[in-house]
Amino acid sequence: MTNINNVDIMNALEFSTKIEQGLIHLPEQYQAYDNAYVRILVLIETPPSQTTKKQKLLESFKKVQNRKIFATIKNPILWQKKLRDEWE
């Protein structure tokens, strides 16, 4: 941290790494900062949860449902049977 006119100036570094046994390893390109006093902000990357995936799927189904794309089908059972016959 540099102090100019009683104002603290900080440099920001950004990189991704894995915390192993409580240690954060500094990438080679930042070795000039080795043994420097730093302030750390840890942002945890979390994979999308199943709940999030489920929620997105439900939202997609609701959008399709609102479009009423099957409203013109008079007999859904017959329509589905014809679709299946196409594969035989």
PDB file of N, CA and C in Angstrom:
ATOM      1  N   MET A   1       0.851  -1.165   0.000  1.00  0.00           N
ATOM      2  CA  MET A   1       0.000   0.000   0.000  1.00  0.00           C
ATOM      3  C   MET A   1       0.899   1.230   0.000  1.00  0.00           C
ATOM      4  N   THR A   2       0.589   2.153  -0.846  1.00  0.00           N
ATOM      5  CA  THR A   2       1.343   3.398  -0.962  1.00  0.00           C
ATOM      6  C   THR A   2       0.539   4.512  -0.308  1.00  0.00           C
ATOM      7  N   ASN A   3       1.238   5.449   0.327  1.00  0.00           N
ATOM      8  CA  ASN A   3       0.561   6.565   0.971  1.00  0.00           C
ATOM      9  C   ASN A   3       1.012   7.850   0.294  1.00  0.00           C
ATOM     10  N   ILE A   4       0.078   8.538  -0.357  1.00  0.00           N
ATOM     11  CA  ILE A   4       0.366   9.805  -1.027  1.00  0.00           C
ATOM     12  C   ILE A   4      -0.556  10.859  -0.428  1.00  0.00           C
ATOM     13  N   ASN A   5       0.035  11.915   0.137  1.00  0.00           N
ATOM     14  CA  ASN A   5      -0.744  12.997   0.768  1.00  0.00           C
ATOM     15  C   ASN A   5      -1.748  12.452   1.782  1.00  0.00           C
ATOM     16  N   ASN A   6      -1.294  11.525   2.606  1.00  0.00           N
ATOM     17  CA  ASN A   6      -2.128  10.901   3.640  1.00  0.00           C
ATOM     18  C   ASN A   6      -3.322  10.128   3.080  1.00  0.00           C
ATOM     19  N   VAL A   7      -3.240   9.727   1.822  1.00  0.00           N
ATOM     20  CA  VAL A   7      -4.285   8.902   1.210  1.00  0.00           C
ATOM     21  C   VAL A   7      -3.660   7.556   0.868  1.00  0.00           C
ATOM     22  N   ASP A   8      -4.268   6.491   1.360  1.00  0.00           N
ATOM     23  CA  ASP A   8      -3.753   5.155   1.065  1.00  0.00           C
ATOM     24  C   ASP A   8      -4.141   4.747  -0.349  1.00  0.00           C
ATOM     25  N   ILE A   9      -3.163   4.326  -1.122  1.00  0.00           N
ATOM     26  CA  ILE A   9      -3.391   3.844  -2.482  1.00  0.00           C
ATOM     27  C   ILE A   9      -3.146   2.338  -2.462  1.00  0.00           C
ATOM     28  N   MET A  10      -4.077   1.581  -2.984  1.00  0.00           N
ATOM     29  CA  MET A  10      -3.929   0.124  -2.995  1.00  0.00           C
ATOM     30  C   MET A  10      -3.863  -0.377  -4.430  1.00  0.00           C
ATOM     31  N   ASN A  11      -3.113  -1.435  -4.634  1.00  0.00           N
ATOM     32  CA  ASN A  11      -3.087  -2.134  -5.917  1.00  0.00           C
ATOM     33  C   ASN A  11      -4.021  -3.327  -5.802  1.00  0.00           C
ATOM     34  N   ALA A  12      -4.743  -3.613  -6.854  1.00  0.00           N
ATOM     35  CA  ALA A  12      -5.653  -4.756  -6.858  1.00  0.00           C
ATOM     36  C   ALA A  12      -5.110  -5.832  -7.790  1.00  0.00           C
ATOM     37  N   LEU A  13      -5.099  -7.052  -7.306  1.00  0.00           N
ATOM     38  CA  LEU A  13      -4.701  -8.208  -8.105  1.00  0.00           C
ATOM     39  C   LEU A  13      -5.897  -9.147  -8.159  1.00  0.00           C
ATOM     40  N   GLU A  14      -6.098  -9.769  -9.299  1.00  0.00           N
ATOM     41  CA  GLU A  14      -7.189 -10.738  -9.397  1.00  0.00           C
ATOM     42  C   GLU A  14      -6.662 -12.009 -10.036  1.00  0.00           C
ATOM     43  N   PHE A  15      -6.903 -13.122  -9.366  1.00  0.00           N
ATOM     44  CA  PHE A  15      -6.539 -14.429  -9.900  1.00  0.00           C
ATOM     45  C   PHE A  15      -7.389 -15.480  -9.201  1.00  0.00           C
ATOM     46  N   SER A  16      -7.515 -16.624  -9.825  1.00  0.00           N
ATOM     47  CA  SER A  16      -8.256 -17.740  -9.237  1.00  0.00           C
ATOM     48  C   SER A  16      -7.260 -18.768  -8.732  1.00  0.00           C
ATOM     49  N   THR A  17      -7.549 -19.318  -7.588  1.00  0.00           N
ATOM     50  CA  THR A  17      -6.689 -20.344  -7.014  1.00  0.00           C
ATOM     51  C   THR A  17      -7.503 -21.180  -6.046  1.00  0.00           C
ATOM     52  N   LYS A  18      -6.904 -22.222  -5.562  1.00  0.00           N
ATOM     53  CA  LYS A  18      -7.553 -23.091  -4.587  1.00  0.00           C
ATOM     54  C   LYS A  18      -6.881 -22.866  -3.238  1.00  0.00           C
ATOM     55  N   ILE A  19      -7.681 -22.684  -2.207  1.00  0.00           N
ATOM     56  CA  ILE A  19      -7.134 -22.562  -0.858  1.00  0.00           C
ATOM     57  C   ILE A  19      -6.840 -23.979  -0.380  1.00  0.00           C
ATOM     58  N   GLU A  20      -5.578 -24.237  -0.076  1.00  0.00           N
ATOM     59  CA  GLU A  20      -5.166 -25.571   0.356  1.00  0.00           C
ATOM     60  C   GLU A  20      -4.599 -25.503   1.764  1.00  0.00           C
ATOM     61  N   GLN A  21      -5.262 -26.180   2.684  1.00  0.00           N
ATOM     62  CA  GLN A  21      -4.858 -26.214   4.092  1.00  0.00           C
ATOM     63  C   GLN A  21      -4.677 -24.801   4.641  1.00  0.00           C
ATOM     64  N   GLY A  22      -5.567 -23.907   4.250  1.00  0.00           N
ATOM     65  CA  GLY A  22      -5.543 -22.536   4.749  1.00  0.00           C
ATOM     66  C   GLY A  22      -4.550 -21.615   4.062  1.00  0.00           C
ATOM     67  N   LEU A  23      -3.877 -22.101   3.014  1.00  0.00           N
ATOM     68  CA  LEU A  23      -2.877 -21.285   2.328  1.00  0.00           C
ATOM     69  C   LEU A  23      -3.348 -20.880   0.940  1.00  0.00           C
ATOM     70  N   ILE A  24      -3.081 -19.636   0.585  1.00  0.00           N
ATOM     71  CA  ILE A  24      -3.343 -19.132  -0.762  1.00  0.00           C
ATOM     72  C   ILE A  24      -1.990 -18.926  -1.418  1.00  0.00           C
ATOM     73  N   HIS A  25      -1.754 -19.630  -2.510  1.00  0.00           N
ATOM     74  CA  HIS A  25      -0.469 -19.520  -3.203  1.00  0.00           C
ATOM     75  C   HIS A  25      -0.529 -18.392  -4.227  1.00  0.00           C
ATOM     76  N   LEU A  26       0.470 -17.543  -4.201  1.00  0.00           N
ATOM     77  CA  LEU A  26       0.564 -16.401  -5.099  1.00  0.00           C
ATOM     78  C   LEU A  26       1.130 -16.855  -6.446  1.00  0.00           C
ATOM     79  N   PRO A  27       0.422 -16.595  -7.560  1.00  0.00           N
ATOM     80  CA  PRO A  27       0.940 -16.981  -8.880  1.00  0.00           C
ATOM     81  C   PRO A  27       2.284 -16.304  -9.167  1.00  0.00           C
ATOM     82  N   GLU A  28       3.070 -16.941 -10.021  1.00  0.00           N
ATOM     83  CA  GLU A  28       4.422 -16.442 -10.315  1.00  0.00           C
ATOM     84  C   GLU A  28       4.439 -14.990 -10.780  1.00  0.00           C
ATOM     85  N   GLN A  29       3.453 -14.584 -11.603  1.00  0.00           N
ATOM     86  CA  GLN A  29       3.486 -13.214 -12.131  1.00  0.00           C
ATOM     87  C   GLN A  29       3.305 -12.162 -11.036  1.00  0.00           C
ATOM     88  N   TYR A  30       2.913 -12.581  -9.825  1.00  0.00           N
ATOM     89  CA  TYR A  30       2.731 -11.640  -8.722  1.00  0.00           C
ATOM     90  C   TYR A  30       3.783 -11.817  -7.623  1.00  0.00           C
ATOM     91  N   GLN A  31       4.878 -12.486  -7.901  1.00  0.00           N
ATOM     92  CA  GLN A  31       5.899 -12.744  -6.883  1.00  0.00           C
ATOM     93  C   GLN A  31       6.522 -11.459  -6.335  1.00  0.00           C
ATOM     94  N   ALA A  32       6.434 -10.357  -7.067  1.00  0.00           N
ATOM     95  CA  ALA A  32       6.954  -9.078  -6.560  1.00  0.00           C
ATOM     96  C   ALA A  32       6.224  -8.666  -5.273  1.00  0.00           C
ATOM     97  N   TYR A  33       5.025  -9.194  -5.058  1.00  0.00           N
ATOM     98  CA  TYR A  33       4.239  -8.866  -3.867  1.00  0.00           C
ATOM     99  C   TYR A  33       4.464  -9.858  -2.729  1.00  0.00           C
ATOM    100  N   ASP A  34       5.402 -10.797  -2.897  1.00  0.00           N
ATOM    101  CA  ASP A  34       5.690 -11.785  -1.856  1.00  0.00           C
ATOM    102  C   ASP A  34       6.122 -11.065  -0.582  1.00  0.00           C
ATOM    103  N   ASN A  35       5.603 -11.495   0.541  1.00  0.00           N
ATOM    104  CA  ASN A  35       5.880 -10.937   1.873  1.00  0.00           C
ATOM    105  C   ASN A  35       5.299  -9.536   2.073  1.00  0.00           C
ATOM    106  N   ALA A  36       4.431  -9.088   1.187  1.00  0.00           N
ATOM    107  CA  ALA A  36       3.782  -7.782   1.354  1.00  0.00           C
ATOM    108  C   ALA A  36       2.579  -7.936   2.289  1.00  0.00           C
ATOM    109  N   TYR A  37       2.226  -6.860   2.953  1.00  0.00           N
ATOM    110  CA  TYR A  37       1.019  -6.843   3.766  1.00  0.00           C
ATOM    111  C   TYR A  37      -0.159  -6.645   2.818  1.00  0.00           C
ATOM    112  N   VAL A  38      -1.152  -7.514   2.898  1.00  0.00           N
ATOM    113  CA  VAL A  38      -2.289  -7.448   1.974  1.00  0.00           C
ATOM    114  C   VAL A  38      -3.600  -7.522   2.743  1.00  0.00           C
ATOM    115  N   ARG A  39      -4.629  -7.037   2.098  1.00  0.00           N
ATOM    116  CA  ARG A  39      -5.992  -7.214   2.593  1.00  0.00           C
ATOM    117  C   ARG A  39      -6.652  -8.181   1.624  1.00  0.00           C
ATOM    118  N   ILE A  40      -7.233  -9.245   2.129  1.00  0.00           N
ATOM    119  CA  ILE A  40      -7.779 -10.313   1.293  1.00  0.00           C
ATOM    120  C   ILE A  40      -9.307 -10.275   1.321  1.00  0.00           C
ATOM    121  N   LEU A  41      -9.890 -10.394   0.164  1.00  0.00           N
ATOM    122  CA  LEU A  41     -11.330 -10.574   0.003  1.00  0.00           C
ATOM    123  C   LEU A  41     -11.499 -11.872  -0.772  1.00  0.00           C
ATOM    124  N   VAL A  42     -12.117 -12.862  -0.169  1.00  0.00           N
ATOM    125  CA  VAL A  42     -12.276 -14.164  -0.810  1.00  0.00           C
ATOM    126  C   VAL A  42     -13.682 -14.255  -1.392  1.00  0.00           C
ATOM    127  N   LEU A  43     -13.764 -14.504  -2.687  1.00  0.00           N
ATOM    128  CA  LEU A  43     -15.039 -14.713  -3.371  1.00  0.00           C
ATOM    129  C   LEU A  43     -15.104 -16.187  -3.749  1.00  0.00           C
ATOM    130  N   ILE A  44     -16.022 -16.910  -3.179  1.00  0.00           N
ATOM    131  CA  ILE A  44     -16.132 -18.348  -3.407  1.00  0.00           C
ATOM    132  C   ILE A  44     -16.945 -18.596  -4.666  1.00  0.00           C
ATOM    133  N   GLU A  45     -16.370 -19.355  -5.601  1.00  0.00           N
ATOM    134  CA  GLU A  45     -17.098 -19.753  -6.806  1.00  0.00           C
ATOM    135  C   GLU A  45     -17.870 -21.022  -6.479  1.00  0.00           C
ATOM    136  N   THR A  46     -19.189 -20.931  -6.544  1.00  0.00           N
ATOM    137  CA  THR A  46     -20.002 -22.107  -6.254  1.00  0.00           C
ATOM    138  C   THR A  46     -20.734 -22.532  -7.515  1.00  0.00           C
ATOM    139  N   PRO A  47     -20.751 -23.826  -7.777  1.00  0.00           N
ATOM    140  CA  PRO A  47     -21.478 -24.298  -8.957  1.00  0.00           C
ATOM    141  C   PRO A  47     -22.973 -24.089  -8.766  1.00  0.00           C
ATOM    142  N   PRO A  48     -23.707 -23.927  -9.866  1.00  0.00           N
ATOM    143  CA  PRO A  48     -25.161 -23.776  -9.735  1.00  0.00           C
ATOM    144  C   PRO A  48     -25.752 -24.977  -9.005  1.00  0.00           C
ATOM    145  N   SER A  49     -26.613 -24.717  -8.074  1.00  0.00           N
ATOM    146  CA  SER A  49     -27.203 -25.807  -7.304  1.00  0.00           C
ATOM    147  C   SER A  49     -28.322 -26.464  -8.092  1.00  0.00           C
ATOM    148  N   GLN A  50     -28.712 -27.627  -7.625  1.00  0.00           N
ATOM    149  CA  GLN A  50     -29.822 -28.339  -8.250  1.00  0.00           C
ATOM    150  C   GLN A  50     -31.090 -27.499  -8.156  1.00  0.00           C
ATOM    151  N   THR A  51     -31.240 -26.762  -7.064  1.00  0.00           N
ATOM    152  CA  THR A  51     -32.420 -25.913  -6.906  1.00  0.00           C
ATOM    153  C   THR A  51     -32.459 -24.866  -8.009  1.00  0.00           C
ATOM    154  N   THR A  52     -31.323 -24.278  -8.313  1.00  0.00           N
ATOM    155  CA  THR A  52     -31.262 -23.272  -9.360  1.00  0.00           C
ATOM    156  C   THR A  52     -31.627 -23.888 -10.707  1.00  0.00           C
ATOM    157  N   LYS A  53     -31.078 -25.056 -11.009  1.00  0.00           N
ATOM    158  CA  LYS A  53     -31.391 -25.735 -12.263  1.00  0.00           C
ATOM    159  C   LYS A  53     -32.879 -26.079 -12.324  1.00  0.00           C
ATOM    160  N   LYS A  54     -33.401 -26.563 -11.200  1.00  0.00           N
ATOM    161  CA  LYS A  54     -34.821 -26.921 -11.141  1.00  0.00           C
ATOM    162  C   LYS A  54     -35.685 -25.678 -11.354  1.00  0.00           C
ATOM    163  N   GLN A  55     -35.295 -24.574 -10.728  1.00  0.00           N
ATOM    164  CA  GLN A  55     -36.056 -23.331 -10.860  1.00  0.00           C
ATOM    165  C   GLN A  55     -36.062 -22.845 -12.306  1.00  0.00           C
ATOM    166  N   LYS A  56     -34.912 -22.921 -12.984  1.00  0.00           N
ATOM    167  CA  LYS A  56     -34.830 -22.500 -14.382  1.00  0.00           C
ATOM    168  C   LYS A  56     -35.713 -23.369 -15.264  1.00  0.00           C
ATOM    169  N   LEU A  57     -35.727 -24.671 -14.994  1.00  0.00           N
ATOM    170  CA  LEU A  57     -36.557 -25.584 -15.765  1.00  0.00           C
ATOM    171  C   LEU A  57     -38.041 -25.272 -15.556  1.00  0.00           C
ATOM    172  N   LEU A  58     -38.426 -25.032 -14.320  1.00  0.00           N
ATOM    173  CA  LEU A  58     -39.821 -24.684 -14.034  1.00  0.00           C
ATOM    174  C   LEU A  58     -40.229 -23.382 -14.719  1.00  0.00           C
ATOM    175  N   GLU A  59     -39.332 -22.404 -14.715  1.00  0.00           N
ATOM    176  CA  GLU A  59     -39.621 -21.135 -15.389  1.00  0.00           C
ATOM    177  C   GLU A  59     -39.802 -21.338 -16.887  1.00  0.00           C
ATOM    178  N   SER A  60     -38.985 -22.206 -17.476  1.00  0.00           N
ATOM    179  CA  SER A  60     -39.109 -22.505 -18.906  1.00  0.00           C
ATOM    180  C   SER A  60     -40.449 -23.155 -19.205  1.00  0.00           C
ATOM    181  N   PHE A  61     -40.845 -24.114 -18.365  1.00  0.00           N
ATOM    182  CA  PHE A  61     -42.136 -24.778 -18.564  1.00  0.00           C
ATOM    183  C   PHE A  61     -43.292 -23.783 -18.453  1.00  0.00           C
ATOM    184  N   LYS A  62     -43.192 -22.854 -17.517  1.00  0.00           N
ATOM    185  CA  LYS A  62     -44.248 -21.853 -17.356  1.00  0.00           C
ATOM    186  C   LYS A  62     -44.352 -20.946 -18.578  1.00  0.00           C
ATOM    187  N   LYS A  63     -43.198 -20.585 -19.161  1.00  0.00           N
ATOM    188  CA  LYS A  63     -43.210 -19.761 -20.369  1.00  0.00           C
ATOM    189  C   LYS A  63     -43.897 -20.488 -21.512  1.00  0.00           C
ATOM    190  N   VAL A  64     -43.576 -21.764 -21.682  1.00  0.00           N
ATOM    191  CA  VAL A  64     -44.194 -22.564 -22.747  1.00  0.00           C
ATOM    192  C   VAL A  64     -45.687 -22.705 -22.485  1.00  0.00           C
ATOM    193  N   GLN A  65     -46.036 -22.926 -21.232  1.00  0.00           N
ATOM    194  CA  GLN A  65     -47.444 -23.082 -20.875  1.00  0.00           C
ATOM    195  C   GLN A  65     -48.234 -21.812 -21.196  1.00  0.00           C
ATOM    196  N   ASN A  66     -47.661 -20.673 -20.942  1.00  0.00           N
ATOM    197  CA  ASN A  66     -48.339 -19.403 -21.208  1.00  0.00           C
ATOM    198  C   ASN A  66     -48.520 -19.134 -22.698  1.00  0.00           C
ATOM    199  N   ARG A  67     -47.671 -19.737 -23.529  1.00  0.00           N
ATOM    200  CA  ARG A  67     -47.782 -19.530 -24.971  1.00  0.00           C
ATOM    201  C   ARG A  67     -48.913 -20.361 -25.577  1.00  0.00           C
ATOM    202  N   LYS A  68     -49.409 -21.346 -24.856  1.00  0.00           N
ATOM    203  CA  LYS A  68     -50.522 -22.204 -25.290  1.00  0.00           C
ATOM    204  C   LYS A  68     -50.265 -22.789 -26.684  1.00  0.00           C
ATOM    205  N   ILE A  69     -49.072 -23.367 -26.849  1.00  0.00           N
ATOM    206  CA  ILE A  69     -48.695 -23.883 -28.169  1.00  0.00           C
ATOM    207  C   ILE A  69     -49.475 -25.132 -28.575  1.00  0.00           C
ATOM    208  N   PHE A  70     -50.114 -25.795 -27.614  1.00  0.00           N
ATOM    209  CA  PHE A  70     -50.881 -26.994 -27.940  1.00  0.00           C
ATOM    210  C   PHE A  70     -52.395 -26.740 -27.918  1.00  0.00           C
ATOM    211  N   ALA A  71     -52.803 -25.504 -27.840  1.00  0.00           N
ATOM    212  CA  ALA A  71     -54.226 -25.168 -27.718  1.00  0.00           C
ATOM    213  C   ALA A  71     -55.043 -25.610 -28.928  1.00  0.00           C
ATOM    214  N   THR A  72     -54.420 -25.711 -30.085  1.00  0.00           N
ATOM    215  CA  THR A  72     -55.168 -26.066 -31.301  1.00  0.00           C
ATOM    216  C   THR A  72     -55.356 -27.570 -31.464  1.00  0.00           C
ATOM    217  N   ILE A  73     -54.758 -28.371 -30.600  1.00  0.00           N
ATOM    218  CA  ILE A  73     -54.880 -29.829 -30.707  1.00  0.00           C
ATOM    219  C   ILE A  73     -56.204 -30.256 -30.085  1.00  0.00           C
ATOM    220  N   LYS A  74     -57.074 -30.821 -30.924  1.00  0.00           N
ATOM    221  CA  LYS A  74     -58.416 -31.214 -30.465  1.00  0.00           C
ATOM    222  C   LYS A  74     -58.377 -32.487 -29.630  1.00  0.00           C
ATOM    223  N   ASN A  75     -57.600 -33.481 -30.097  1.00  0.00           N
ATOM    224  CA  ASN A  75     -57.531 -34.766 -29.412  1.00  0.00           C
ATOM    225  C   ASN A  75     -56.057 -35.061 -29.098  1.00  0.00           C
ATOM    226  N   PRO A  76     -55.582 -34.705 -27.922  1.00  0.00           N
ATOM    227  CA  PRO A  76     -54.169 -34.874 -27.586  1.00  0.00           C
ATOM    228  C   PRO A  76     -53.684 -36.322 -27.653  1.00  0.00           C
ATOM    229  N   ILE A  77     -54.539 -37.264 -27.286  1.00  0.00           N
ATOM    230  CA  ILE A  77     -54.141 -38.677 -27.312  1.00  0.00           C
ATOM    231  C   ILE A  77     -53.899 -39.130 -28.742  1.00  0.00           C
ATOM    232  N   LEU A  78     -54.805 -38.804 -29.649  1.00  0.00           N
ATOM    233  CA  LEU A  78     -54.646 -39.167 -31.055  1.00  0.00           C
ATOM    234  C   LEU A  78     -53.423 -38.461 -31.653  1.00  0.00           C
ATOM    235  N   TRP A  79     -53.241 -37.208 -31.326  1.00  0.00           N
ATOM    236  CA  TRP A  79     -52.092 -36.442 -31.823  1.00  0.00           C
ATOM    237  C   TRP A  79     -50.777 -37.088 -31.391  1.00  0.00           C
ATOM    238  N   GLN A  80     -50.706 -37.482 -30.126  1.00  0.00           N
ATOM    239  CA  GLN A  80     -49.492 -38.110 -29.611  1.00  0.00           C
ATOM    240  C   GLN A  80     -49.265 -39.478 -30.257  1.00  0.00           C
ATOM    241  N   LYS A  81     -50.341 -40.217 -30.482  1.00  0.00           N
ATOM    242  CA  LYS A  81     -50.226 -41.535 -31.119  1.00  0.00           C
ATOM    243  C   LYS A  81     -49.674 -41.392 -32.537  1.00  0.00           C
ATOM    244  N   LYS A  82     -50.141 -40.377 -33.266  1.00  0.00           N
ATOM    245  CA  LYS A  82     -49.636 -40.143 -34.624  1.00  0.00           C
ATOM    246  C   LYS A  82     -48.149 -39.799 -34.602  1.00  0.00           C
ATOM    247  N   LEU A  83     -47.728 -39.020 -33.621  1.00  0.00           N
ATOM    248  CA  LEU A  83     -46.310 -38.685 -33.495  1.00  0.00           C
ATOM    249  C   LEU A  83     -45.470 -39.932 -33.260  1.00  0.00           C
ATOM    250  N   ARG A  84     -45.962 -40.822 -32.437  1.00  0.00           N
ATOM    251  CA  ARG A  84     -45.224 -42.053 -32.142  1.00  0.00           C
ATOM    252  C   ARG A  84     -45.164 -42.959 -33.364  1.00  0.00           C
ATOM    253  N   ASP A  85     -46.219 -42.965 -34.161  1.00  0.00           N
ATOM    254  CA  ASP A  85     -46.243 -43.802 -35.364  1.00  0.00           C
ATOM    255  C   ASP A  85     -45.197 -43.357 -36.379  1.00  0.00           C
ATOM    256  N   GLU A  86     -44.803 -42.102 -36.354  1.00  0.00           N
ATOM    257  CA  GLU A  86     -43.790 -41.610 -37.289  1.00  0.00           C
ATOM    258  C   GLU A  86     -42.453 -42.304 -37.081  1.00  0.00           C
ATOM    259  N   TRP A  87     -42.191 -42.792 -35.898  1.00  0.00           N
ATOM    260  CA  TRP A  87     -40.900 -43.412 -35.583  1.00  0.00           C
ATOM    261  C   TRP A  87     -40.869 -44.899 -35.918  1.00  0.00           C
ATOM    262  N   GLU A  88     -41.980 -45.462 -36.231  1.00  0.00           N
ATOM    263  CA  GLU A  88     -42.014 -46.907 -36.529  1.00  0.00           C
ATOM    264  C   GLU A  88     -41.889 -47.171 -38.002  1.00  0.00           C
TER     265      GLU A  88
END
